[in-house]
């Protein structure tokens, strides 16, 4: 199995390419906006409330790490495919524009 750095690359020399802070912030803001628009955030918040309520009914304590371990896989799976595809495209474009010109 190939490493994550090799995925989507071709015969080009492999270089570590980093986004500028401005590009990174812009991509994070875009992701946050898209997730808000599709209702993902509210859905995750509702799932968190349900998990907490279930633990309280069972008289169990719940640490933040346990809550994160339970909700993170669900939250990732709930991201709509069109948001994933758009973000992948935007990240690729930003990384390609950061490549040194030859």
PDB file of N, CA and C in Angstrom:
ATOM      1  N   UNK A   1       0.844  -1.178   0.000  1.00  0.00           N
ATOM      2  CA  UNK A   1       0.000   0.000   0.000  1.00  0.00           C
ATOM      3  C   UNK A   1       0.886   1.236   0.000  1.00  0.00           C
ATOM      4  N   UNK A   2       0.532   2.254  -0.752  1.00  0.00           N
ATOM      5  CA  UNK A   2       1.369   3.440  -0.859  1.00  0.00           C
ATOM      6  C   UNK A   2       1.099   4.387   0.300  1.00  0.00           C
ATOM      7  N   UNK A   3       2.091   5.209   0.594  1.00  0.00           N
ATOM      8  CA  UNK A   3       1.914   6.182   1.671  1.00  0.00           C
ATOM      9  C   UNK A   3       1.057   7.341   1.181  1.00  0.00           C
ATOM     10  N   UNK A   4       0.558   8.126   2.109  1.00  0.00           N
ATOM     11  CA  UNK A   4      -0.324   9.226   1.741  1.00  0.00           C
ATOM     12  C   UNK A   4       0.385  10.266   0.879  1.00  0.00           C
ATOM     13  N   UNK A   5       1.712  10.400   1.008  1.00  0.00           N
ATOM     14  CA  UNK A   5       2.440  11.363   0.182  1.00  0.00           C
ATOM     15  C   UNK A   5       2.487  10.930  -1.273  1.00  0.00           C
ATOM     16  N   UNK A   6       2.368   9.629  -1.520  1.00  0.00           N
ATOM     17  CA  UNK A   6       2.471   9.117  -2.875  1.00  0.00           C
ATOM     18  C   UNK A   6       1.135   9.134  -3.615  1.00  0.00           C
ATOM     19  N   UNK A   7       0.060   9.224  -2.900  1.00  0.00           N
ATOM     20  CA  UNK A   7      -1.261   9.171  -3.519  1.00  0.00           C
ATOM     21  C   UNK A   7      -1.451  10.397  -4.406  1.00  0.00           C
ATOM     22  N   UNK A   8      -1.851  10.173  -5.611  1.00  0.00           N
ATOM     23  CA  UNK A   8      -2.150  11.259  -6.530  1.00  0.00           C
ATOM     24  C   UNK A   8      -0.933  11.917  -7.142  1.00  0.00           C
ATOM     25  N   UNK A   9       0.230  11.336  -7.002  1.00  0.00           N
ATOM     26  CA  UNK A   9       1.424  11.920  -7.594  1.00  0.00           C
ATOM     27  C   UNK A   9       1.769  11.188  -8.870  1.00  0.00           C
ATOM     28  N   UNK A  10       2.563  11.820  -9.683  1.00  0.00           N
ATOM     29  CA  UNK A  10       3.031  11.158 -10.898  1.00  0.00           C
ATOM     30  C   UNK A  10       4.556  11.087 -10.842  1.00  0.00           C
ATOM     31  N   UNK A  11       5.210  11.117 -11.956  1.00  0.00           N
ATOM     32  CA  UNK A  11       6.659  10.924 -12.001  1.00  0.00           C
ATOM     33  C   UNK A  11       7.450  12.153 -11.566  1.00  0.00           C
ATOM     34  N   UNK A  12       6.759  13.207 -11.162  1.00  0.00           N
ATOM     35  CA  UNK A  12       7.452  14.414 -10.721  1.00  0.00           C
ATOM     36  C   UNK A  12       8.281  14.128  -9.482  1.00  0.00           C
ATOM     37  N   UNK A  13       9.302  14.958  -9.269  1.00  0.00           N
ATOM     38  CA  UNK A  13      10.083  14.850  -8.034  1.00  0.00           C
ATOM     39  C   UNK A  13       9.163  15.194  -6.870  1.00  0.00           C
ATOM     40  N   UNK A  14       9.269  14.404  -5.823  1.00  0.00           N
ATOM     41  CA  UNK A  14       8.411  14.634  -4.659  1.00  0.00           C
ATOM     42  C   UNK A  14       9.035  15.725  -3.807  1.00  0.00           C
ATOM     43  N   UNK A  15       8.258  16.766  -3.565  1.00  0.00           N
ATOM     44  CA  UNK A  15       8.708  17.883  -2.753  1.00  0.00           C
ATOM     45  C   UNK A  15       7.675  18.134  -1.676  1.00  0.00           C
ATOM     46  N   UNK A  16       8.132  18.561  -0.520  1.00  0.00           N
ATOM     47  CA  UNK A  16       7.203  18.969   0.524  1.00  0.00           C
ATOM     48  C   UNK A  16       6.704  20.357   0.180  1.00  0.00           C
ATOM     49  N   UNK A  17       5.419  20.456  -0.065  1.00  0.00           N
ATOM     50  CA  UNK A  17       4.813  21.729  -0.417  1.00  0.00           C
ATOM     51  C   UNK A  17       3.890  22.119   0.723  1.00  0.00           C
ATOM     52  N   UNK A  18       4.043  23.336   1.192  1.00  0.00           N
ATOM     53  CA  UNK A  18       3.207  23.803   2.285  1.00  0.00           C
ATOM     54  C   UNK A  18       2.411  25.005   1.833  1.00  0.00           C
ATOM     55  N   UNK A  19       1.219  25.108   2.397  1.00  0.00           N
ATOM     56  CA  UNK A  19       0.379  26.252   2.120  1.00  0.00           C
ATOM     57  C   UNK A  19       0.802  27.417   3.002  1.00  0.00           C
ATOM     58  N   UNK A  20       0.576  28.611   2.526  1.00  0.00           N
ATOM     59  CA  UNK A  20       0.820  29.777   3.368  1.00  0.00           C
ATOM     60  C   UNK A  20      -0.260  29.823   4.437  1.00  0.00           C
ATOM     61  N   UNK A  21      -0.010  30.570   5.466  1.00  0.00           N
ATOM     62  CA  UNK A  21      -0.991  30.698   6.543  1.00  0.00           C
ATOM     63  C   UNK A  21      -2.300  31.267   6.002  1.00  0.00           C
ATOM     64  N   UNK A  22      -2.213  32.216   5.091  1.00  0.00           N
ATOM     65  CA  UNK A  22      -3.406  32.825   4.496  1.00  0.00           C
ATOM     66  C   UNK A  22      -4.223  31.788   3.732  1.00  0.00           C
ATOM     67  N   UNK A  23      -3.547  30.966   2.927  1.00  0.00           N
ATOM     68  CA  UNK A  23      -4.241  29.925   2.163  1.00  0.00           C
ATOM     69  C   UNK A  23      -4.884  28.905   3.098  1.00  0.00           C
ATOM     70  N   UNK A  24      -4.168  28.535   4.127  1.00  0.00           N
ATOM     71  CA  UNK A  24      -4.664  27.557   5.089  1.00  0.00           C
ATOM     72  C   UNK A  24      -5.910  28.079   5.799  1.00  0.00           C
ATOM     73  N   UNK A  25      -5.858  29.317   6.237  1.00  0.00           N
ATOM     74  CA  UNK A  25      -7.003  29.925   6.922  1.00  0.00           C
ATOM     75  C   UNK A  25      -8.194  30.027   5.975  1.00  0.00           C
ATOM     76  N   UNK A  26      -7.941  30.407   4.734  1.00  0.00           N
ATOM     77  CA  UNK A  26      -9.025  30.524   3.755  1.00  0.00           C
ATOM     78  C   UNK A  26      -9.691  29.166   3.509  1.00  0.00           C
ATOM     79  N   UNK A  27      -8.898  28.106   3.415  1.00  0.00           N
ATOM     80  CA  UNK A  27      -9.463  26.772   3.215  1.00  0.00           C
ATOM     81  C   UNK A  27     -10.260  26.315   4.434  1.00  0.00           C
ATOM     82  N   UNK A  28      -9.760  26.603   5.623  1.00  0.00           N
ATOM     83  CA  UNK A  28     -10.487  26.246   6.845  1.00  0.00           C
ATOM     84  C   UNK A  28     -11.817  26.999   6.915  1.00  0.00           C
ATOM     85  N   UNK A  29     -11.777  28.277   6.572  1.00  0.00           N
ATOM     86  CA  UNK A  29     -13.002  29.079   6.579  1.00  0.00           C
ATOM     87  C   UNK A  29     -14.018  28.541   5.574  1.00  0.00           C
ATOM     88  N   UNK A  30     -13.542  28.170   4.390  1.00  0.00           N
ATOM     89  CA  UNK A  30     -14.430  27.617   3.372  1.00  0.00           C
ATOM     90  C   UNK A  30     -15.058  26.317   3.859  1.00  0.00           C
ATOM     91  N   UNK A  31     -14.247  25.451   4.448  1.00  0.00           N
ATOM     92  CA  UNK A  31     -14.771  24.190   4.968  1.00  0.00           C
ATOM     93  C   UNK A  31     -15.822  24.446   6.039  1.00  0.00           C
ATOM     94  N   UNK A  32     -15.531  25.346   6.949  1.00  0.00           N
ATOM     95  CA  UNK A  32     -16.474  25.660   8.009  1.00  0.00           C
ATOM     96  C   UNK A  32     -17.788  26.192   7.432  1.00  0.00           C
ATOM     97  N   UNK A  33     -17.691  27.052   6.432  1.00  0.00           N
ATOM     98  CA  UNK A  33     -18.884  27.601   5.783  1.00  0.00           C
ATOM     99  C   UNK A  33     -19.707  26.502   5.123  1.00  0.00           C
ATOM    100  N   UNK A  34     -19.046  25.625   4.368  1.00  0.00           N
ATOM    101  CA  UNK A  34     -19.763  24.540   3.679  1.00  0.00           C
ATOM    102  C   UNK A  34     -20.441  23.594   4.671  1.00  0.00           C
ATOM    103  N   UNK A  35     -19.755  23.287   5.762  1.00  0.00           N
ATOM    104  CA  UNK A  35     -20.336  22.390   6.766  1.00  0.00           C
ATOM    105  C   UNK A  35     -21.526  23.045   7.463  1.00  0.00           C
ATOM    106  N   UNK A  36     -21.447  24.348   7.698  1.00  0.00           N
ATOM    107  CA  UNK A  36     -22.584  25.062   8.279  1.00  0.00           C
ATOM    108  C   UNK A  36     -23.770  25.084   7.311  1.00  0.00           C
ATOM    109  N   UNK A  37     -23.485  25.333   6.028  1.00  0.00           N
ATOM    110  CA  UNK A  37     -24.540  25.419   5.017  1.00  0.00           C
ATOM    111  C   UNK A  37     -25.323  24.116   4.876  1.00  0.00           C
ATOM    112  N   UNK A  38     -24.645  22.997   5.004  1.00  0.00           N
ATOM    113  CA  UNK A  38     -25.322  21.711   4.798  1.00  0.00           C
ATOM    114  C   UNK A  38     -25.934  21.154   6.085  1.00  0.00           C
ATOM    115  N   UNK A  39     -25.772  21.843   7.213  1.00  0.00           N
ATOM    116  CA  UNK A  39     -26.357  21.399   8.461  1.00  0.00           C
ATOM    117  C   UNK A  39     -25.524  20.370   9.219  1.00  0.00           C
ATOM    118  N   UNK A  40     -24.302  20.142   8.772  1.00  0.00           N
ATOM    119  CA  UNK A  40     -23.432  19.156   9.406  1.00  0.00           C
ATOM    120  C   UNK A  40     -23.173  19.497  10.867  1.00  0.00           C
ATOM    121  N   UNK A  41     -22.859  20.750  11.139  1.00  0.00           N
ATOM    122  CA  UNK A  41     -22.529  21.165  12.500  1.00  0.00           C
ATOM    123  C   UNK A  41     -23.693  20.899  13.459  1.00  0.00           C
ATOM    124  N   UNK A  42     -24.896  21.251  13.052  1.00  0.00           N
ATOM    125  CA  UNK A  42     -26.064  21.019  13.913  1.00  0.00           C
ATOM    126  C   UNK A  42     -26.297  19.530  14.132  1.00  0.00           C
ATOM    127  N   UNK A  43     -26.064  18.759  13.109  1.00  0.00           N
ATOM    128  CA  UNK A  43     -26.226  17.309  13.214  1.00  0.00           C
ATOM    129  C   UNK A  43     -25.204  16.712  14.193  1.00  0.00           C
ATOM    130  N   UNK A  44     -23.964  17.177  14.122  1.00  0.00           N
ATOM    131  CA  UNK A  44     -22.922  16.700  15.044  1.00  0.00           C
ATOM    132  C   UNK A  44     -23.258  17.120  16.474  1.00  0.00           C
ATOM    133  N   UNK A  45     -23.691  18.365  16.643  1.00  0.00           N
ATOM    134  CA  UNK A  45     -24.071  18.834  17.975  1.00  0.00           C
ATOM    135  C   UNK A  45     -25.197  17.988  18.556  1.00  0.00           C
ATOM    136  N   UNK A  46     -26.183  17.638  17.728  1.00  0.00           N
ATOM    137  CA  UNK A  46     -27.293  16.796  18.180  1.00  0.00           C
ATOM    138  C   UNK A  46     -26.783  15.410  18.587  1.00  0.00           C
ATOM    139  N   UNK A  47     -25.874  14.847  17.806  1.00  0.00           N
ATOM    140  CA  UNK A  47     -25.305  13.539  18.150  1.00  0.00           C
ATOM    141  C   UNK A  47     -24.552  13.603  19.473  1.00  0.00           C
ATOM    142  N   UNK A  48     -23.840  14.674  19.704  1.00  0.00           N
ATOM    143  CA  UNK A  48     -23.117  14.848  20.966  1.00  0.00           C
ATOM    144  C   UNK A  48     -24.108  14.887  22.124  1.00  0.00           C
ATOM    145  N   UNK A  49     -25.173  15.662  21.966  1.00  0.00           N
ATOM    146  CA  UNK A  49     -26.190  15.732  23.024  1.00  0.00           C
ATOM    147  C   UNK A  49     -26.787  14.360  23.323  1.00  0.00           C
ATOM    148  N   UNK A  50     -27.057  13.590  22.273  1.00  0.00           N
ATOM    149  CA  UNK A  50     -27.631  12.258  22.455  1.00  0.00           C
ATOM    150  C   UNK A  50     -26.670  11.324  23.183  1.00  0.00           C
ATOM    151  N   UNK A  51     -25.395  11.379  22.843  1.00  0.00           N
ATOM    152  CA  UNK A  51     -24.384  10.542  23.505  1.00  0.00           C
ATOM    153  C   UNK A  51     -24.291  10.911  24.983  1.00  0.00           C
ATOM    154  N   UNK A  52     -24.233  12.202  25.268  1.00  0.00           N
ATOM    155  CA  UNK A  52     -24.139  12.658  26.654  1.00  0.00           C
ATOM    156  C   UNK A  52     -25.375  12.237  27.440  1.00  0.00           C
ATOM    157  N   UNK A  53     -26.547  12.410  26.847  1.00  0.00           N
ATOM    158  CA  UNK A  53     -27.793  12.033  27.528  1.00  0.00           C
ATOM    159  C   UNK A  53     -27.826  10.532  27.818  1.00  0.00           C
ATOM    160  N   UNK A  54     -27.381   9.720  26.866  1.00  0.00           N
ATOM    161  CA  UNK A  54     -27.373   8.271  27.062  1.00  0.00           C
ATOM    162  C   UNK A  54     -26.430   7.885  28.196  1.00  0.00           C
ATOM    163  N   UNK A  55     -25.274   8.512  28.258  1.00  0.00           N
ATOM    164  CA  UNK A  55     -24.311   8.218  29.326  1.00  0.00           C
ATOM    165  C   UNK A  55     -24.871   8.649  30.679  1.00  0.00           C
ATOM    166  N   UNK A  56     -25.563   9.801  30.704  1.00  0.00           N
ATOM    167  CA  UNK A  56     -26.154  10.277  31.956  1.00  0.00           C
ATOM    168  C   UNK A  56     -27.247   9.331  32.435  1.00  0.00           C
ATOM    169  N   UNK A  57     -28.062   8.805  31.510  1.00  0.00           N
ATOM    170  CA  UNK A  57     -29.117   7.851  31.881  1.00  0.00           C
ATOM    171  C   UNK A  57     -28.525   6.590  32.485  1.00  0.00           C
ATOM    172  N   UNK A  58     -27.369   6.192  31.955  1.00  0.00           N
ATOM    173  CA  UNK A  58     -26.704   4.986  32.456  1.00  0.00           C
ATOM    174  C   UNK A  58     -25.816   5.277  33.656  1.00  0.00           C
ATOM    175  N   UNK A  59     -25.843   6.523  34.142  1.00  0.00           N
ATOM    176  CA  UNK A  59     -25.050   6.947  35.306  1.00  0.00           C
ATOM    177  C   UNK A  59     -23.555   6.726  35.074  1.00  0.00           C
ATOM    178  N   UNK A  60     -23.113   6.922  33.843  1.00  0.00           N
ATOM    179  CA  UNK A  60     -21.707   6.771  33.511  1.00  0.00           C
ATOM    180  C   UNK A  60     -21.074   8.144  33.344  1.00  0.00           C
ATOM    181  N   UNK A  61     -19.811   8.229  33.693  1.00  0.00           N
ATOM    182  CA  UNK A  61     -19.085   9.471  33.443  1.00  0.00           C
ATOM    183  C   UNK A  61     -18.512   9.403  32.031  1.00  0.00           C
ATOM    184  N   UNK A  62     -18.302  10.557  31.466  1.00  0.00           N
ATOM    185  CA  UNK A  62     -17.813  10.631  30.091  1.00  0.00           C
ATOM    186  C   UNK A  62     -16.738  11.705  30.027  1.00  0.00           C
ATOM    187  N   UNK A  63     -15.536  11.316  29.666  1.00  0.00           N
ATOM    188  CA  UNK A  63     -14.465  12.306  29.515  1.00  0.00           C
ATOM    189  C   UNK A  63     -14.538  12.906  28.118  1.00  0.00           C
ATOM    190  N   UNK A  64     -13.875  14.024  27.950  1.00  0.00           N
ATOM    191  CA  UNK A  64     -13.869  14.657  26.633  1.00  0.00           C
ATOM    192  C   UNK A  64     -13.164  13.765  25.611  1.00  0.00           C
ATOM    193  N   UNK A  65     -12.136  13.038  26.043  1.00  0.00           N
ATOM    194  CA  UNK A  65     -11.435  12.130  25.122  1.00  0.00           C
ATOM    195  C   UNK A  65     -12.354  10.986  24.688  1.00  0.00           C
ATOM    196  N   UNK A  66     -13.148  10.461  25.601  1.00  0.00           N
ATOM    197  CA  UNK A  66     -14.092   9.386  25.251  1.00  0.00           C
ATOM    198  C   UNK A  66     -15.156   9.897  24.288  1.00  0.00           C
ATOM    199  N   UNK A  67     -15.643  11.111  24.558  1.00  0.00           N
ATOM    200  CA  UNK A  67     -16.644  11.705  23.676  1.00  0.00           C
ATOM    201  C   UNK A  67     -16.060  11.922  22.283  1.00  0.00           C
ATOM    202  N   UNK A  68     -14.846  12.435  22.208  1.00  0.00           N
ATOM    203  CA  UNK A  68     -14.197  12.663  20.916  1.00  0.00           C
ATOM    204  C   UNK A  68     -14.000  11.345  20.172  1.00  0.00           C
ATOM    205  N   UNK A  69     -13.582  10.311  20.893  1.00  0.00           N
ATOM    206  CA  UNK A  69     -13.355   9.009  20.261  1.00  0.00           C
ATOM    207  C   UNK A  69     -14.645   8.428  19.703  1.00  0.00           C
ATOM    208  N   UNK A  70     -15.758   8.731  20.335  1.00  0.00           N
ATOM    209  CA  UNK A  70     -17.038   8.212  19.872  1.00  0.00           C
ATOM    210  C   UNK A  70     -17.626   9.044  18.743  1.00  0.00           C
ATOM    211  N   UNK A  71     -17.485  10.365  18.824  1.00  0.00           N
ATOM    212  CA  UNK A  71     -18.152  11.236  17.852  1.00  0.00           C
ATOM    213  C   UNK A  71     -17.327  11.473  16.587  1.00  0.00           C
ATOM    214  N   UNK A  72     -16.008  11.470  16.670  1.00  0.00           N
ATOM    215  CA  UNK A  72     -15.168  11.811  15.514  1.00  0.00           C
ATOM    216  C   UNK A  72     -15.421  10.915  14.302  1.00  0.00           C
ATOM    217  N   UNK A  73     -15.451   9.595  14.455  1.00  0.00           N
ATOM    218  CA  UNK A  73     -15.714   8.761  13.269  1.00  0.00           C
ATOM    219  C   UNK A  73     -17.103   9.025  12.666  1.00  0.00           C
ATOM    220  N   UNK A  74     -18.081   9.251  13.525  1.00  0.00           N
ATOM    221  CA  UNK A  74     -19.429   9.552  13.033  1.00  0.00           C
ATOM    222  C   UNK A  74     -19.439  10.882  12.285  1.00  0.00           C
ATOM    223  N   UNK A  75     -18.777  11.873  12.863  1.00  0.00           N
ATOM    224  CA  UNK A  75     -18.753  13.205  12.260  1.00  0.00           C
ATOM    225  C   UNK A  75     -18.063  13.178  10.896  1.00  0.00           C
ATOM    226  N   UNK A  76     -16.953  12.449  10.804  1.00  0.00           N
ATOM    227  CA  UNK A  76     -16.255  12.338   9.519  1.00  0.00           C
ATOM    228  C   UNK A  76     -17.142  11.680   8.470  1.00  0.00           C
ATOM    229  N   UNK A  77     -17.847  10.663   8.877  1.00  0.00           N
ATOM    230  CA  UNK A  77     -18.708   9.935   7.941  1.00  0.00           C
ATOM    231  C   UNK A  77     -19.897  10.777   7.480  1.00  0.00           C
ATOM    232  N   UNK A  78     -20.277  11.759   8.264  1.00  0.00           N
ATOM    233  CA  UNK A  78     -21.436  12.589   7.926  1.00  0.00           C
ATOM    234  C   UNK A  78     -21.106  13.739   6.981  1.00  0.00           C
ATOM    235  N   UNK A  79     -19.844  13.978   6.692  1.00  0.00           N
ATOM    236  CA  UNK A  79     -19.481  15.067   5.770  1.00  0.00           C
ATOM    237  C   UNK A  79     -19.980  14.678   4.377  1.00  0.00           C
ATOM    238  N   UNK A  80     -20.813  15.533   3.768  1.00  0.00           N
ATOM    239  CA  UNK A  80     -21.348  15.202   2.447  1.00  0.00           C
ATOM    240  C   UNK A  80     -20.239  15.036   1.404  1.00  0.00           C
ATOM    241  N   UNK A  81     -20.464  14.138   0.475  1.00  0.00           N
ATOM    242  CA  UNK A  81     -19.461  13.843  -0.552  1.00  0.00           C
ATOM    243  C   UNK A  81     -19.125  15.076  -1.393  1.00  0.00           C
ATOM    244  N   UNK A  82     -20.111  15.912  -1.688  1.00  0.00           N
ATOM    245  CA  UNK A  82     -19.827  17.091  -2.505  1.00  0.00           C
ATOM    246  C   UNK A  82     -18.908  18.066  -1.770  1.00  0.00           C
ATOM    247  N   UNK A  83     -18.989  18.114  -0.436  1.00  0.00           N
ATOM    248  CA  UNK A  83     -18.089  18.974   0.338  1.00  0.00           C
ATOM    249  C   UNK A  83     -16.679  18.388   0.301  1.00  0.00           C
ATOM    250  N   UNK A  84     -16.576  17.071   0.460  1.00  0.00           N
ATOM    251  CA  UNK A  84     -15.263  16.414   0.391  1.00  0.00           C
ATOM    252  C   UNK A  84     -14.594  16.678  -0.959  1.00  0.00           C
ATOM    253  N   UNK A  85     -15.358  16.518  -2.033  1.00  0.00           N
ATOM    254  CA  UNK A  85     -14.802  16.697  -3.370  1.00  0.00           C
ATOM    255  C   UNK A  85     -14.375  18.145  -3.607  1.00  0.00           C
ATOM    256  N   UNK A  86     -15.202  19.089  -3.183  1.00  0.00           N
ATOM    257  CA  UNK A  86     -14.856  20.497  -3.366  1.00  0.00           C
ATOM    258  C   UNK A  86     -13.583  20.844  -2.596  1.00  0.00           C
ATOM    259  N   UNK A  87     -13.487  20.377  -1.364  1.00  0.00           N
ATOM    260  CA  UNK A  87     -12.314  20.689  -0.553  1.00  0.00           C
ATOM    261  C   UNK A  87     -11.056  20.039  -1.130  1.00  0.00           C
ATOM    262  N   UNK A  88     -11.183  18.824  -1.608  1.00  0.00           N
ATOM    263  CA  UNK A  88     -10.037  18.157  -2.227  1.00  0.00           C
ATOM    264  C   UNK A  88      -9.552  18.952  -3.435  1.00  0.00           C
ATOM    265  N   UNK A  89     -10.482  19.403  -4.251  1.00  0.00           N
ATOM    266  CA  UNK A  89     -10.137  20.202  -5.422  1.00  0.00           C
ATOM    267  C   UNK A  89      -9.453  21.505  -5.009  1.00  0.00           C
ATOM    268  N   UNK A  90     -10.013  22.186  -4.020  1.00  0.00           N
ATOM    269  CA  UNK A  90      -9.444  23.465  -3.576  1.00  0.00           C
ATOM    270  C   UNK A  90      -8.051  23.288  -2.970  1.00  0.00           C
ATOM    271  N   UNK A  91      -7.860  22.230  -2.198  1.00  0.00           N
ATOM    272  CA  UNK A  91      -6.548  21.981  -1.601  1.00  0.00           C
ATOM    273  C   UNK A  91      -5.530  21.681  -2.690  1.00  0.00           C
ATOM    274  N   UNK A  92      -5.920  20.845  -3.655  1.00  0.00           N
ATOM    275  CA  UNK A  92      -5.006  20.547  -4.766  1.00  0.00           C
ATOM    276  C   UNK A  92      -4.613  21.816  -5.520  1.00  0.00           C
ATOM    277  N   UNK A  93      -5.602  22.653  -5.816  1.00  0.00           N
ATOM    278  CA  UNK A  93      -5.324  23.900  -6.526  1.00  0.00           C
ATOM    279  C   UNK A  93      -4.357  24.772  -5.728  1.00  0.00           C
ATOM    280  N   UNK A  94      -4.582  24.870  -4.418  1.00  0.00           N
ATOM    281  CA  UNK A  94      -3.721  25.704  -3.568  1.00  0.00           C
ATOM    282  C   UNK A  94      -2.306  25.131  -3.525  1.00  0.00           C
ATOM    283  N   UNK A  95      -2.195  23.816  -3.423  1.00  0.00           N
ATOM    284  CA  UNK A  95      -0.866  23.198  -3.390  1.00  0.00           C
ATOM    285  C   UNK A  95      -0.150  23.350  -4.721  1.00  0.00           C
ATOM    286  N   UNK A  96      -0.878  23.184  -5.822  1.00  0.00           N
ATOM    287  CA  UNK A  96      -0.255  23.336  -7.142  1.00  0.00           C
ATOM    288  C   UNK A  96       0.212  24.763  -7.358  1.00  0.00           C
ATOM    289  N   UNK A  97      -0.543  25.733  -6.863  1.00  0.00           N
ATOM    290  CA  UNK A  97      -0.126  27.126  -7.044  1.00  0.00           C
ATOM    291  C   UNK A  97       1.079  27.452  -6.149  1.00  0.00           C
ATOM    292  N   UNK A  98       1.314  26.626  -5.128  1.00  0.00           N
ATOM    293  CA  UNK A  98       2.465  26.832  -4.230  1.00  0.00           C
ATOM    294  C   UNK A  98       3.735  26.179  -4.753  1.00  0.00           C
ATOM    295  N   UNK A  99       3.603  25.326  -5.764  1.00  0.00           N
ATOM    296  CA  UNK A  99       4.784  24.658  -6.317  1.00  0.00           C
ATOM    297  C   UNK A  99       5.699  25.673  -6.978  1.00  0.00           C
ATOM    298  N   UNK A 100       6.997  25.483  -6.821  1.00  0.00           N
ATOM    299  CA  UNK A 100       7.927  26.406  -7.501  1.00  0.00           C
ATOM    300  C   UNK A 100       7.821  26.248  -9.014  1.00  0.00           C
ATOM    301  N   UNK A 101       7.859  27.333  -9.717  1.00  0.00           N
ATOM    302  CA  UNK A 101       7.772  27.320 -11.183  1.00  0.00           C
ATOM    303  C   UNK A 101       9.134  26.982 -11.764  1.00  0.00           C
ATOM    304  N   UNK A 102       9.138  26.171 -12.805  1.00  0.00           N
ATOM    305  CA  UNK A 102      10.412  25.792 -13.440  1.00  0.00           C
ATOM    306  C   UNK A 102      10.575  26.498 -14.760  1.00  0.00           C
TER     307      UNK A 102
END
